[in-house]
Amino acid sequence: MSFYSYKNCNSEACPGNVSGNILNGLNKKVCIQVKNVYDSCLSQQQLDDQRVTIENIVPVLPNSCNCNVNTSGCRCSCHENVCTCSCSACNTGISHAEAVENAENSPCPLPQPCGAWTFESCRSSTTKGTISNLSIERMCDRPQFARVRCAVEVPVDVLFVDQRCQEWMGQTRICVDRDVLLCIPEDSIIPFTLESLVSAICVSGTYIGNCTFEITICVTIVLKVLAEVDIMVPTYGFCEVPPCEEFAENVCDEFFSLPLFPQSSCAFEEVGGASCCASNGATVTAATGGSYACGCTSAGKSPTASTCSHCGTTCLSGQGSLCPRCGCTMTSVS
């Protein structure tokens, strides 16, 4: 099972929301090594008519090669040397590294790009950007702030097809200049660093020849001022890692937890009004608002229900103190 499986009854030992006093269970202080984020900022922009030259071009081959370059699942509409292709059999979501691996493991001869190229898509290949030409100028009128100038390179994978509808992938980089204000910590023995979190996706693109595309791309860049530090934090102790729940073998558990025969809490209800239970003389009363099914209750009192403290399953009171679904303790509510 996982931390969040309905079978995991020890909810107090799982990550998630804290019910009651959040201080209960804090039993020690530990020192952890983390990257402390002193400051961060996000910038997003659309770059139009960006010319990029791709390299490391590799064919996008299926995992099982059928030695047929002209994929039968492709539909191409060609005019002169320009083709627009729609390939239902082409792989989607493949990375450049996966394309290289498939090409290296292919038993078939590798094709070569043929004719005019048609742009398909492009997106960033990783979330880590490369920072260069970094300049940090502290500001006299704003203590602890600095003007940060740098160039951020975003690695991008470009997907395209040639005239024979063979899909190809190449690599390129988008360089974006940043000039921002960030809070910079004071000098210390352990220096701070500047890192970038990047993401980019193409809106459109056109092949202009010589392995060069003209693209419109949306770029998101997050700059972070970081330092590797040791921090003292309060904890609830070490995690209790539950065993894995195998999917195939336990798909029937929820069904098997149901009672063998159908049960009705309205078995003693008479048409036209309330009646008394033979066992305790209680009056049958319908639950207000339709929140709970009707059932036998003490005379003059509204019916009550129990809710599972873990998975939220609701049952009428008197059905047992443990949840029939996950086995956790049931809590009575009115």
C-alpha atoms as a PDB file:
ATOM      1  CA  MET A   1       0.000   0.000   0.000  1.00  0.00           C
ATOM      2  CA  SER A   2       1.052   3.637  -0.181  1.00  0.00           C
ATOM      3  CA  PHE A   3       0.797   6.447   2.362  1.00  0.00           C
ATOM      4  CA  TYR A   4      -2.556   7.366   0.800  1.00  0.00           C
ATOM      5  CA  SER A   5      -4.070   3.904   0.297  1.00  0.00           C
ATOM      6  CA  TYR A   6      -7.418   3.348   1.992  1.00  0.00           C
ATOM      7  CA  LYS A   7      -5.863   0.216   3.527  1.00  0.00           C
ATOM      8  CA  ASN A   8      -3.338   2.287   5.467  1.00  0.00           C
ATOM      9  CA  CYS A   9      -5.107   2.688   8.783  1.00  0.00           C
ATOM     10  CA  ASN A  10      -2.275   4.451  10.628  1.00  0.00           C
ATOM     11  CA  SER A  11      -3.168   7.918   9.373  1.00  0.00           C
ATOM     12  CA  GLU A  12      -1.211   9.578  12.185  1.00  0.00           C
ATOM     13  CA  ALA A  13       2.047   8.274  10.670  1.00  0.00           C
ATOM     14  CA  CYS A  14       1.290   9.454   7.132  1.00  0.00           C
ATOM     15  CA  PRO A  15       2.047  12.777   5.429  1.00  0.00           C
ATOM     16  CA  GLY A  16      -0.946  15.074   5.039  1.00  0.00           C
ATOM     17  CA  ASN A  17      -3.193  17.409   6.983  1.00  0.00           C
ATOM     18  CA  VAL A  18      -2.967  17.541  10.771  1.00  0.00           C
ATOM     19  CA  SER A  19      -6.204  17.228  12.770  1.00  0.00           C
ATOM     20  CA  GLY A  20      -6.323  18.700  16.267  1.00  0.00           C
ATOM     21  CA  ASN A  21      -3.244  20.258  17.850  1.00  0.00           C
ATOM     22  CA  ILE A  22      -0.409  20.398  15.343  1.00  0.00           C
ATOM     23  CA  LEU A  23       2.152  20.344  18.186  1.00  0.00           C
ATOM     24  CA  ASN A  24       1.091  16.891  19.386  1.00  0.00           C
ATOM     25  CA  GLY A  25       3.692  14.315  18.414  1.00  0.00           C
ATOM     26  CA  LEU A  26       6.627  16.692  17.931  1.00  0.00           C
ATOM     27  CA  ASN A  27       9.207  14.691  19.833  1.00  0.00           C
ATOM     28  CA  LYS A  28      12.664  15.719  18.605  1.00  0.00           C
ATOM     29  CA  LYS A  29      14.799  18.230  16.762  1.00  0.00           C
ATOM     30  CA  VAL A  30      16.866  17.110  13.788  1.00  0.00           C
ATOM     31  CA  CYS A  31      19.488  18.763  11.624  1.00  0.00           C
ATOM     32  CA  ILE A  32      18.817  18.420   7.898  1.00  0.00           C
ATOM     33  CA  GLN A  33      20.900  19.469   4.909  1.00  0.00           C
ATOM     34  CA  VAL A  34      18.834  21.344   2.337  1.00  0.00           C
ATOM     35  CA  LYS A  35      19.053  24.061  -0.274  1.00  0.00           C
ATOM     36  CA  ASN A  36      17.671  27.212   1.307  1.00  0.00           C
ATOM     37  CA  VAL A  37      15.896  29.547  -1.150  1.00  0.00           C
ATOM     38  CA  TYR A  38      16.721  33.146  -0.176  1.00  0.00           C
ATOM     39  CA  ASP A  39      14.836  34.725  -3.056  1.00  0.00           C
ATOM     40  CA  SER A  40      13.182  33.749  -6.310  1.00  0.00           C
ATOM     41  CA  CYS A  41      11.390  35.369  -9.239  1.00  0.00           C
ATOM     42  CA  LEU A  42       9.452  34.167 -12.289  1.00  0.00           C
ATOM     43  CA  SER A  43       9.370  35.620 -15.781  1.00  0.00           C
ATOM     44  CA  GLN A  44       7.340  34.464 -18.791  1.00  0.00           C
ATOM     45  CA  GLN A  45       7.503  35.760 -22.329  1.00  0.00           C
ATOM     46  CA  GLN A  46       6.722  34.876 -25.913  1.00  0.00           C
ATOM     47  CA  LEU A  47       9.677  34.959 -28.290  1.00  0.00           C
ATOM     48  CA  ASP A  48       8.663  35.502 -31.907  1.00  0.00           C
ATOM     49  CA  ASP A  49      10.639  34.655 -35.046  1.00  0.00           C
ATOM     50  CA  GLN A  50      13.491  32.982 -33.190  1.00  0.00           C
ATOM     51  CA  ARG A  51      15.945  31.319 -35.552  1.00  0.00           C
ATOM     52  CA  VAL A  52      17.445  28.134 -34.166  1.00  0.00           C
ATOM     53  CA  THR A  53      19.842  25.691 -35.792  1.00  0.00           C
ATOM     54  CA  ILE A  54      19.427  22.105 -34.681  1.00  0.00           C
ATOM     55  CA  GLU A  55      22.138  19.494 -34.256  1.00  0.00           C
ATOM     56  CA  ASN A  56      22.440  15.863 -33.121  1.00  0.00           C
ATOM     57  CA  ILE A  57      19.649  14.911 -35.514  1.00  0.00           C
ATOM     58  CA  VAL A  58      18.353  11.371 -34.979  1.00  0.00           C
ATOM     59  CA  PRO A  59      15.427   9.470 -36.557  1.00  0.00           C
ATOM     60  CA  VAL A  60      12.451   8.730 -34.347  1.00  0.00           C
ATOM     61  CA  LEU A  61      12.030   5.002 -34.815  1.00  0.00           C
ATOM     62  CA  PRO A  62       9.451   2.689 -33.220  1.00  0.00           C
ATOM     63  CA  ASN A  63      10.711   0.336 -30.542  1.00  0.00           C
ATOM     64  CA  SER A  64      10.261  -2.582 -32.967  1.00  0.00           C
ATOM     65  CA  CYS A  65      11.604  -1.662 -36.385  1.00  0.00           C
ATOM     66  CA  ASN A  66       9.758  -2.956 -39.414  1.00  0.00           C
ATOM     67  CA  CYS A  67      12.557  -1.831 -41.758  1.00  0.00           C
ATOM     68  CA  ASN A  68      10.110   0.396 -43.628  1.00  0.00           C
ATOM     69  CA  VAL A  69      11.084   4.044 -43.625  1.00  0.00           C
ATOM     70  CA  ASN A  70       7.860   5.181 -45.243  1.00  0.00           C
ATOM     71  CA  THR A  71       5.512   4.493 -42.325  1.00  0.00           C
ATOM     72  CA  SER A  72       2.177   3.177 -43.557  1.00  0.00           C
ATOM     73  CA  GLY A  73       0.286   5.086 -40.884  1.00  0.00           C
ATOM     74  CA  CYS A  74       1.325   8.482 -42.279  1.00  0.00           C
ATOM     75  CA  ARG A  75      -0.895  10.680 -44.440  1.00  0.00           C
ATOM     76  CA  CYS A  76       1.084  13.258 -46.428  1.00  0.00           C
ATOM     77  CA  SER A  77      -0.175  16.082 -48.590  1.00  0.00           C
ATOM     78  CA  CYS A  78       2.665  17.282 -50.842  1.00  0.00           C
ATOM     79  CA  HIS A  79       2.932  20.256 -53.154  1.00  0.00           C
ATOM     80  CA  GLU A  80       6.194  20.463 -55.071  1.00  0.00           C
ATOM     81  CA  ASN A  81       8.902  19.932 -52.407  1.00  0.00           C
ATOM     82  CA  VAL A  82       6.750  20.812 -49.383  1.00  0.00           C
ATOM     83  CA  CYS A  83       4.867  18.081 -47.521  1.00  0.00           C
ATOM     84  CA  THR A  84       2.434  18.254 -44.631  1.00  0.00           C
ATOM     85  CA  CYS A  85       2.281  14.907 -42.844  1.00  0.00           C
ATOM     86  CA  SER A  86       0.044  13.421 -40.165  1.00  0.00           C
ATOM     87  CA  CYS A  87       1.489  10.191 -38.792  1.00  0.00           C
ATOM     88  CA  SER A  88      -0.771   8.138 -36.550  1.00  0.00           C
ATOM     89  CA  ALA A  89       1.976   5.560 -36.054  1.00  0.00           C
ATOM     90  CA  CYS A  90       4.638   8.035 -34.968  1.00  0.00           C
ATOM     91  CA  ASN A  91       5.815   8.000 -31.374  1.00  0.00           C
ATOM     92  CA  THR A  92       4.767  10.970 -29.245  1.00  0.00           C
ATOM     93  CA  GLY A  93       6.339  12.298 -26.098  1.00  0.00           C
ATOM     94  CA  ILE A  94       9.706  10.695 -26.806  1.00  0.00           C
ATOM     95  CA  SER A  95      12.867  12.394 -25.586  1.00  0.00           C
ATOM     96  CA  HIS A  96      16.022  12.904 -27.624  1.00  0.00           C
ATOM     97  CA  ALA A  97      17.895  10.398 -25.443  1.00  0.00           C
ATOM     98  CA  GLU A  98      15.172   7.785 -26.070  1.00  0.00           C
ATOM     99  CA  ALA A  99      15.312   8.448 -29.809  1.00  0.00           C
ATOM    100  CA  VAL A 100      19.098   7.957 -29.773  1.00  0.00           C
ATOM    101  CA  GLU A 101      18.724   4.689 -27.852  1.00  0.00           C
ATOM    102  CA  ASN A 102      16.097   3.372 -30.287  1.00  0.00           C
ATOM    103  CA  ALA A 103      18.323   4.273 -33.242  1.00  0.00           C
ATOM    104  CA  GLU A 104      21.374   2.593 -31.701  1.00  0.00           C
ATOM    105  CA  ASN A 105      19.394  -0.590 -30.973  1.00  0.00           C
ATOM    106  CA  SER A 106      17.646  -0.723 -34.340  1.00  0.00           C
ATOM    107  CA  PRO A 107      18.541  -3.779 -36.475  1.00  0.00           C
ATOM    108  CA  CYS A 108      17.594  -1.859 -39.611  1.00  0.00           C
ATOM    109  CA  PRO A 109      19.743   0.552 -41.620  1.00  0.00           C
ATOM    110  CA  LEU A 110      19.220   4.102 -40.384  1.00  0.00           C
ATOM    111  CA  PRO A 111      17.579   6.491 -42.868  1.00  0.00           C
ATOM    112  CA  GLN A 112      18.810   9.932 -43.860  1.00  0.00           C
ATOM    113  CA  PRO A 113      16.669  13.105 -43.955  1.00  0.00           C
ATOM    114  CA  CYS A 114      15.121  13.468 -47.387  1.00  0.00           C
ATOM    115  CA  GLY A 115      13.719  16.509 -49.185  1.00  0.00           C
ATOM    116  CA  ALA A 116      12.041  19.436 -47.457  1.00  0.00           C
ATOM    117  CA  TRP A 117      11.462  19.347 -43.707  1.00  0.00           C
ATOM    118  CA  THR A 118       8.162  20.111 -41.998  1.00  0.00           C
ATOM    119  CA  PHE A 119       8.123  21.452 -38.436  1.00  0.00           C
ATOM    120  CA  GLU A 120       5.982  19.487 -35.975  1.00  0.00           C
ATOM    121  CA  SER A 121       6.691  20.700 -32.438  1.00  0.00           C
ATOM    122  CA  CYS A 122       9.326  21.577 -29.891  1.00  0.00           C
ATOM    123  CA  ARG A 123       9.612  21.798 -26.125  1.00  0.00           C
ATOM    124  CA  SER A 124      12.273  22.100 -23.441  1.00  0.00           C
ATOM    125  CA  SER A 125      14.142  18.863 -22.831  1.00  0.00           C
ATOM    126  CA  THR A 126      14.917  19.524 -19.139  1.00  0.00           C
ATOM    127  CA  THR A 127      13.841  21.861 -16.348  1.00  0.00           C
ATOM    128  CA  LYS A 128      17.381  22.968 -15.505  1.00  0.00           C
ATOM    129  CA  GLY A 129      18.700  25.954 -17.423  1.00  0.00           C
ATOM    130  CA  THR A 130      22.322  27.010 -17.877  1.00  0.00           C
ATOM    131  CA  ILE A 131      23.328  30.437 -16.553  1.00  0.00           C
ATOM    132  CA  SER A 132      26.177  32.370 -18.175  1.00  0.00           C
ATOM    133  CA  ASN A 133      27.534  35.958 -18.190  1.00  0.00           C
ATOM    134  CA  LEU A 134      26.395  36.385 -14.592  1.00  0.00           C
ATOM    135  CA  SER A 135      26.752  39.860 -13.069  1.00  0.00           C
ATOM    136  CA  ILE A 136      25.617  40.754  -9.512  1.00  0.00           C
ATOM    137  CA  GLU A 137      25.721  44.431  -8.520  1.00  0.00           C
ATOM    138  CA  ARG A 138      24.677  45.245  -4.950  1.00  0.00           C
ATOM    139  CA  MET A 139      22.568  48.373  -4.542  1.00  0.00           C
ATOM    140  CA  CYS A 140      23.574  51.061  -2.038  1.00  0.00           C
ATOM    141  CA  ASP A 141      20.055  52.477  -1.674  1.00  0.00           C
ATOM    142  CA  ARG A 142      18.435  49.060  -1.101  1.00  0.00           C
ATOM    143  CA  PRO A 143      20.411  46.932   1.382  1.00  0.00           C
ATOM    144  CA  GLN A 144      20.571  43.196   0.629  1.00  0.00           C
ATOM    145  CA  PHE A 145      19.224  43.778  -2.878  1.00  0.00           C
ATOM    146  CA  ALA A 146      21.240  43.462  -6.058  1.00  0.00           C
ATOM    147  CA  ARG A 147      20.842  43.895  -9.784  1.00  0.00           C
ATOM    148  CA  VAL A 148      21.284  40.453 -11.310  1.00  0.00           C
ATOM    149  CA  ARG A 149      22.071  40.197 -15.014  1.00  0.00           C
ATOM    150  CA  CYS A 150      22.640  36.914 -16.801  1.00  0.00           C
ATOM    151  CA  ALA A 151      21.899  34.848 -19.876  1.00  0.00           C
ATOM    152  CA  VAL A 152      19.807  31.700 -19.403  1.00  0.00           C
ATOM    153  CA  GLU A 153      20.084  28.912 -21.959  1.00  0.00           C
ATOM    154  CA  VAL A 154      17.014  26.691 -22.345  1.00  0.00           C
ATOM    155  CA  PRO A 155      17.697  23.292 -23.997  1.00  0.00           C
ATOM    156  CA  VAL A 156      15.007  22.453 -26.565  1.00  0.00           C
ATOM    157  CA  ASP A 157      14.131  19.317 -28.552  1.00  0.00           C
ATOM    158  CA  VAL A 158      12.723  19.987 -32.041  1.00  0.00           C
ATOM    159  CA  LEU A 159      10.511  17.411 -33.766  1.00  0.00           C
ATOM    160  CA  PHE A 160      10.043  17.456 -37.550  1.00  0.00           C
ATOM    161  CA  VAL A 161       9.316  15.168 -40.525  1.00  0.00           C
ATOM    162  CA  ASP A 162      11.017  14.927 -43.870  1.00  0.00           C
ATOM    163  CA  GLN A 163       9.432  14.541 -47.294  1.00  0.00           C
ATOM    164  CA  ARG A 164       9.066  10.765 -46.844  1.00  0.00           C
ATOM    165  CA  CYS A 165       7.146  11.270 -43.601  1.00  0.00           C
ATOM    166  CA  GLN A 166      10.003   9.951 -41.484  1.00  0.00           C
ATOM    167  CA  GLU A 167       9.984  11.658 -38.100  1.00  0.00           C
ATOM    168  CA  TRP A 168      13.219  13.223 -36.805  1.00  0.00           C
ATOM    169  CA  MET A 169      14.376  14.961 -33.633  1.00  0.00           C
ATOM    170  CA  GLY A 170      17.194  17.456 -33.112  1.00  0.00           C
ATOM    171  CA  GLN A 171      18.558  19.575 -30.277  1.00  0.00           C
ATOM    172  CA  THR A 172      19.015  23.323 -29.945  1.00  0.00           C
ATOM    173  CA  ARG A 173      19.125  26.044 -27.273  1.00  0.00           C
ATOM    174  CA  ILE A 174      17.182  29.244 -26.685  1.00  0.00           C
ATOM    175  CA  CYS A 175      19.176  32.014 -24.970  1.00  0.00           C
ATOM    176  CA  VAL A 176      17.203  34.544 -22.909  1.00  0.00           C
ATOM    177  CA  ASP A 177      18.766  37.592 -21.221  1.00  0.00           C
ATOM    178  CA  ARG A 178      17.551  38.455 -17.702  1.00  0.00           C
ATOM    179  CA  ASP A 179      17.998  41.744 -15.820  1.00  0.00           C
ATOM    180  CA  VAL A 180      16.185  41.569 -12.457  1.00  0.00           C
ATOM    181  CA  LEU A 181      16.312  42.634  -8.798  1.00  0.00           C
ATOM    182  CA  LEU A 182      16.830  39.897  -6.209  1.00  0.00           C
ATOM    183  CA  CYS A 183      17.474  39.768  -2.482  1.00  0.00           C
ATOM    184  CA  ILE A 184      21.069  38.622  -2.028  1.00  0.00           C
ATOM    185  CA  PRO A 185      22.362  37.309   1.344  1.00  0.00           C
ATOM    186  CA  GLU A 186      25.466  38.716   2.990  1.00  0.00           C
ATOM    187  CA  ASP A 187      28.890  37.216   2.317  1.00  0.00           C
ATOM    188  CA  SER A 188      29.592  33.978   4.154  1.00  0.00           C
ATOM    189  CA  ILE A 189      32.006  31.053   4.180  1.00  0.00           C
ATOM    190  CA  ILE A 190      29.477  28.921   2.280  1.00  0.00           C
ATOM    191  CA  PRO A 191      28.684  30.937  -0.857  1.00  0.00           C
ATOM    192  CA  PHE A 192      25.247  31.325  -2.360  1.00  0.00           C
ATOM    193  CA  THR A 193      24.527  30.271  -5.940  1.00  0.00           C
ATOM    194  CA  LEU A 194      22.088  31.296  -8.659  1.00  0.00           C
ATOM    195  CA  GLU A 195      20.102  28.559 -10.400  1.00  0.00           C
ATOM    196  CA  SER A 196      17.371  28.572 -13.028  1.00  0.00           C
ATOM    197  CA  LEU A 197      14.217  26.489 -13.493  1.00  0.00           C
ATOM    198  CA  VAL A 198      13.054  26.572 -17.112  1.00  0.00           C
ATOM    199  CA  SER A 199      10.222  25.364 -19.311  1.00  0.00           C
ATOM    200  CA  ALA A 200       9.415  26.157 -22.942  1.00  0.00           C
ATOM    201  CA  ILE A 201       6.987  25.045 -25.629  1.00  0.00           C
ATOM    202  CA  CYS A 202       6.630  26.059 -29.278  1.00  0.00           C
ATOM    203  CA  VAL A 203       3.564  27.753 -30.708  1.00  0.00           C
ATOM    204  CA  SER A 204       4.579  27.469 -34.366  1.00  0.00           C
ATOM    205  CA  GLY A 205       7.607  26.901 -36.566  1.00  0.00           C
ATOM    206  CA  THR A 206       8.822  26.990 -40.149  1.00  0.00           C
ATOM    207  CA  TYR A 207      11.811  25.322 -41.765  1.00  0.00           C
ATOM    208  CA  ILE A 208      13.969  27.846 -43.638  1.00  0.00           C
ATOM    209  CA  GLY A 209      16.791  25.529 -44.728  1.00  0.00           C
ATOM    210  CA  ASN A 210      20.293  24.511 -43.647  1.00  0.00           C
ATOM    211  CA  CYS A 211      19.028  22.746 -40.464  1.00  0.00           C
ATOM    212  CA  THR A 212      17.468  26.046 -39.295  1.00  0.00           C
ATOM    213  CA  PHE A 213      13.929  26.676 -38.091  1.00  0.00           C
ATOM    214  CA  GLU A 214      12.124  29.934 -37.372  1.00  0.00           C
ATOM    215  CA  ILE A 215       9.925  29.381 -34.320  1.00  0.00           C
ATOM    216  CA  THR A 216       7.592  31.164 -31.944  1.00  0.00           C
ATOM    217  CA  ILE A 217       8.182  29.852 -28.442  1.00  0.00           C
ATOM    218  CA  CYS A 218       6.757  30.511 -24.958  1.00  0.00           C
ATOM    219  CA  VAL A 219       9.455  30.514 -22.290  1.00  0.00           C
ATOM    220  CA  THR A 220       9.139  30.388 -18.488  1.00  0.00           C
ATOM    221  CA  ILE A 221      12.233  31.075 -16.355  1.00  0.00           C
ATOM    222  CA  VAL A 222      12.472  30.973 -12.558  1.00  0.00           C
ATOM    223  CA  LEU A 223      15.662  32.395 -11.023  1.00  0.00           C
ATOM    224  CA  LYS A 224      16.556  31.240  -7.505  1.00  0.00           C
ATOM    225  CA  VAL A 225      19.165  32.441  -5.008  1.00  0.00           C
ATOM    226  CA  LEU A 226      20.228  29.283  -3.141  1.00  0.00           C
ATOM    227  CA  ALA A 227      22.733  28.043  -0.595  1.00  0.00           C
ATOM    228  CA  GLU A 228      23.413  24.577   0.808  1.00  0.00           C
ATOM    229  CA  VAL A 229      22.713  24.903   4.543  1.00  0.00           C
ATOM    230  CA  ASP A 230      22.160  22.852   7.704  1.00  0.00           C
ATOM    231  CA  ILE A 231      18.820  23.675   9.346  1.00  0.00           C
ATOM    232  CA  MET A 232      17.400  22.555  12.698  1.00  0.00           C
ATOM    233  CA  VAL A 233      13.735  21.589  12.416  1.00  0.00           C
ATOM    234  CA  PRO A 234      11.193  19.912  14.751  1.00  0.00           C
ATOM    235  CA  THR A 235       9.930  16.525  13.575  1.00  0.00           C
ATOM    236  CA  TYR A 236       7.404  13.815  14.323  1.00  0.00           C
ATOM    237  CA  GLY A 237      10.142  11.207  13.984  1.00  0.00           C
ATOM    238  CA  PHE A 238      11.013   8.931  11.108  1.00  0.00           C
ATOM    239  CA  CYS A 239       8.443   7.886   8.538  1.00  0.00           C
ATOM    240  CA  GLU A 240       6.835   4.478   8.833  1.00  0.00           C
ATOM    241  CA  VAL A 241       6.949   3.283   5.236  1.00  0.00           C
ATOM    242  CA  PRO A 242       4.005   0.968   4.478  1.00  0.00           C
ATOM    243  CA  PRO A 243       4.408  -2.080   2.228  1.00  0.00           C
ATOM    244  CA  CYS A 244       3.523  -1.668  -1.435  1.00  0.00           C
ATOM    245  CA  GLU A 245      -0.021  -2.538  -2.504  1.00  0.00           C
ATOM    246  CA  GLU A 246       0.020  -4.802  -5.540  1.00  0.00           C
ATOM    247  CA  PHE A 247      -2.613  -3.589  -7.989  1.00  0.00           C
ATOM    248  CA  ALA A 248      -3.624  -6.818  -9.707  1.00  0.00           C
ATOM    249  CA  GLU A 249      -3.975  -8.973  -6.593  1.00  0.00           C
ATOM    250  CA  ASN A 250      -6.098  -6.612  -4.502  1.00  0.00           C
ATOM    251  CA  VAL A 251      -8.632  -5.207  -6.938  1.00  0.00           C
ATOM    252  CA  CYS A 252     -11.413  -7.293  -5.329  1.00  0.00           C
ATOM    253  CA  ASP A 253     -10.725  -6.319  -1.699  1.00  0.00           C
ATOM    254  CA  GLU A 254     -13.250  -3.485  -1.620  1.00  0.00           C
ATOM    255  CA  PHE A 255     -15.903  -5.752  -3.136  1.00  0.00           C
ATOM    256  CA  PHE A 256     -15.108  -8.583  -0.715  1.00  0.00           C
ATOM    257  CA  SER A 257     -15.507  -6.188   2.249  1.00  0.00           C
ATOM    258  CA  LEU A 258     -19.239  -5.810   1.503  1.00  0.00           C
ATOM    259  CA  PRO A 259     -21.734  -7.886   3.566  1.00  0.00           C
ATOM    260  CA  LEU A 260     -22.783 -11.185   2.015  1.00  0.00           C
ATOM    261  CA  PHE A 261     -26.533 -10.380   2.090  1.00  0.00           C
ATOM    262  CA  PRO A 262     -28.242  -7.011   1.596  1.00  0.00           C
ATOM    263  CA  GLN A 263     -29.148  -5.265   4.852  1.00  0.00           C
ATOM    264  CA  SER A 264     -31.826  -2.683   5.409  1.00  0.00           C
ATOM    265  CA  SER A 265     -32.127  -0.335   8.366  1.00  0.00           C
ATOM    266  CA  CYS A 266     -35.763   0.286   7.410  1.00  0.00           C
ATOM    267  CA  ALA A 267     -36.841  -3.318   7.933  1.00  0.00           C
ATOM    268  CA  PHE A 268     -39.298  -2.382  10.731  1.00  0.00           C
ATOM    269  CA  GLU A 269     -40.713   0.761   9.121  1.00  0.00           C
ATOM    270  CA  GLU A 270     -44.460   0.629   8.454  1.00  0.00           C
ATOM    271  CA  VAL A 271     -46.296   2.429   5.707  1.00  0.00           C
ATOM    272  CA  GLY A 272     -47.954   5.634   6.914  1.00  0.00           C
ATOM    273  CA  GLY A 273     -45.949   6.296  10.064  1.00  0.00           C
ATOM    274  CA  ALA A 274     -43.441   5.177  12.664  1.00  0.00           C
ATOM    275  CA  SER A 275     -43.437   1.890  14.510  1.00  0.00           C
ATOM    276  CA  CYS A 276     -41.599   0.487  17.486  1.00  0.00           C
ATOM    277  CA  CYS A 277     -38.689  -1.895  17.323  1.00  0.00           C
ATOM    278  CA  ALA A 278     -39.507  -5.139  19.047  1.00  0.00           C
ATOM    279  CA  SER A 279     -36.122  -5.221  20.702  1.00  0.00           C
ATOM    280  CA  ASN A 280     -35.980  -1.876  22.534  1.00  0.00           C
ATOM    281  CA  GLY A 281     -39.164   0.031  21.791  1.00  0.00           C
ATOM    282  CA  ALA A 282     -37.317   2.705  19.854  1.00  0.00           C
ATOM    283  CA  THR A 283     -39.167   4.841  17.338  1.00  0.00           C
ATOM    284  CA  VAL A 284     -38.208   4.679  13.660  1.00  0.00           C
ATOM    285  CA  THR A 285     -37.452   8.206  12.468  1.00  0.00           C
ATOM    286  CA  ALA A 286     -36.272   9.367   9.043  1.00  0.00           C
ATOM    287  CA  ALA A 287     -32.965  11.214   9.025  1.00  0.00           C
ATOM    288  CA  THR A 288     -33.280  14.952   8.548  1.00  0.00           C
ATOM    289  CA  GLY A 289     -31.968  16.449   5.308  1.00  0.00           C
ATOM    290  CA  GLY A 290     -31.494  13.049   3.729  1.00  0.00           C
ATOM    291  CA  SER A 291     -27.905  12.863   4.945  1.00  0.00           C
ATOM    292  CA  TYR A 292     -28.311   9.358   6.399  1.00  0.00           C
ATOM    293  CA  ALA A 293     -30.518   6.418   5.667  1.00  0.00           C
ATOM    294  CA  CYS A 294     -33.454   5.888   7.984  1.00  0.00           C
ATOM    295  CA  GLY A 295     -32.965   3.566  10.922  1.00  0.00           C
ATOM    296  CA  CYS A 296     -34.058   2.608  14.443  1.00  0.00           C
ATOM    297  CA  THR A 297     -33.268   5.329  16.968  1.00  0.00           C
ATOM    298  CA  SER A 298     -34.171   6.093  20.504  1.00  0.00           C
ATOM    299  CA  ALA A 299     -37.579   7.708  20.859  1.00  0.00           C
ATOM    300  CA  GLY A 300     -37.533  11.449  20.305  1.00  0.00           C
ATOM    301  CA  LYS A 301     -33.927  11.560  19.054  1.00  0.00           C
ATOM    302  CA  SER A 302     -32.569  12.129  15.559  1.00  0.00           C
ATOM    303  CA  PRO A 303     -30.617   9.278  14.015  1.00  0.00           C
ATOM    304  CA  THR A 304     -26.825   9.435  14.224  1.00  0.00           C
ATOM    305  CA  ALA A 305     -24.109   8.219  11.914  1.00  0.00           C
ATOM    306  CA  SER A 306     -20.452   7.327  12.138  1.00  0.00           C
ATOM    307  CA  THR A 307     -17.769   8.639   9.776  1.00  0.00           C
ATOM    308  CA  CYS A 308     -14.441   6.932   9.156  1.00  0.00           C
ATOM    309  CA  SER A 309     -11.549   9.018  10.442  1.00  0.00           C
ATOM    310  CA  HIS A 310      -9.410   7.959   7.458  1.00  0.00           C
ATOM    311  CA  CYS A 311     -11.382   7.473   4.250  1.00  0.00           C
ATOM    312  CA  GLY A 312     -14.596   9.396   5.139  1.00  0.00           C
ATOM    313  CA  THR A 313     -17.035   6.469   4.682  1.00  0.00           C
ATOM    314  CA  THR A 314     -20.348   7.204   6.498  1.00  0.00           C
ATOM    315  CA  CYS A 315     -22.485   4.492   8.156  1.00  0.00           C
ATOM    316  CA  LEU A 316     -25.402   4.469  10.593  1.00  0.00           C
ATOM    317  CA  SER A 317     -24.408   4.204  14.226  1.00  0.00           C
ATOM    318  CA  GLY A 318     -24.584   0.700  15.586  1.00  0.00           C
ATOM    319  CA  GLN A 319     -23.053  -0.838  12.453  1.00  0.00           C
ATOM    320  CA  GLY A 320     -19.732  -1.400  14.220  1.00  0.00           C
ATOM    321  CA  SER A 321     -16.790   0.622  15.515  1.00  0.00           C
ATOM    322  CA  LEU A 322     -14.534  -0.132  12.517  1.00  0.00           C
ATOM    323  CA  CYS A 323     -14.953   1.101   8.960  1.00  0.00           C
ATOM    324  CA  PRO A 324     -16.215  -1.697   6.663  1.00  0.00           C
ATOM    325  CA  ARG A 325     -14.092  -0.243   3.835  1.00  0.00           C
ATOM    326  CA  CYS A 326     -10.633   0.343   5.323  1.00  0.00           C
ATOM    327  CA  GLY A 327     -10.884  -0.910   8.914  1.00  0.00           C
ATOM    328  CA  CYS A 328     -10.120   2.415  10.617  1.00  0.00           C
ATOM    329  CA  THR A 329     -11.981   3.727  13.664  1.00  0.00           C
ATOM    330  CA  MET A 330     -15.450   5.190  13.081  1.00  0.00           C
ATOM    331  CA  THR A 331     -16.274   8.523  14.763  1.00  0.00           C
ATOM    332  CA  SER A 332     -19.882   9.225  15.764  1.00  0.00           C
ATOM    333  CA  VAL A 333     -21.526  12.424  14.509  1.00  0.00           C
ATOM    334  CA  SER A 334     -25.081  13.673  14.773  1.00  0.00           C
END
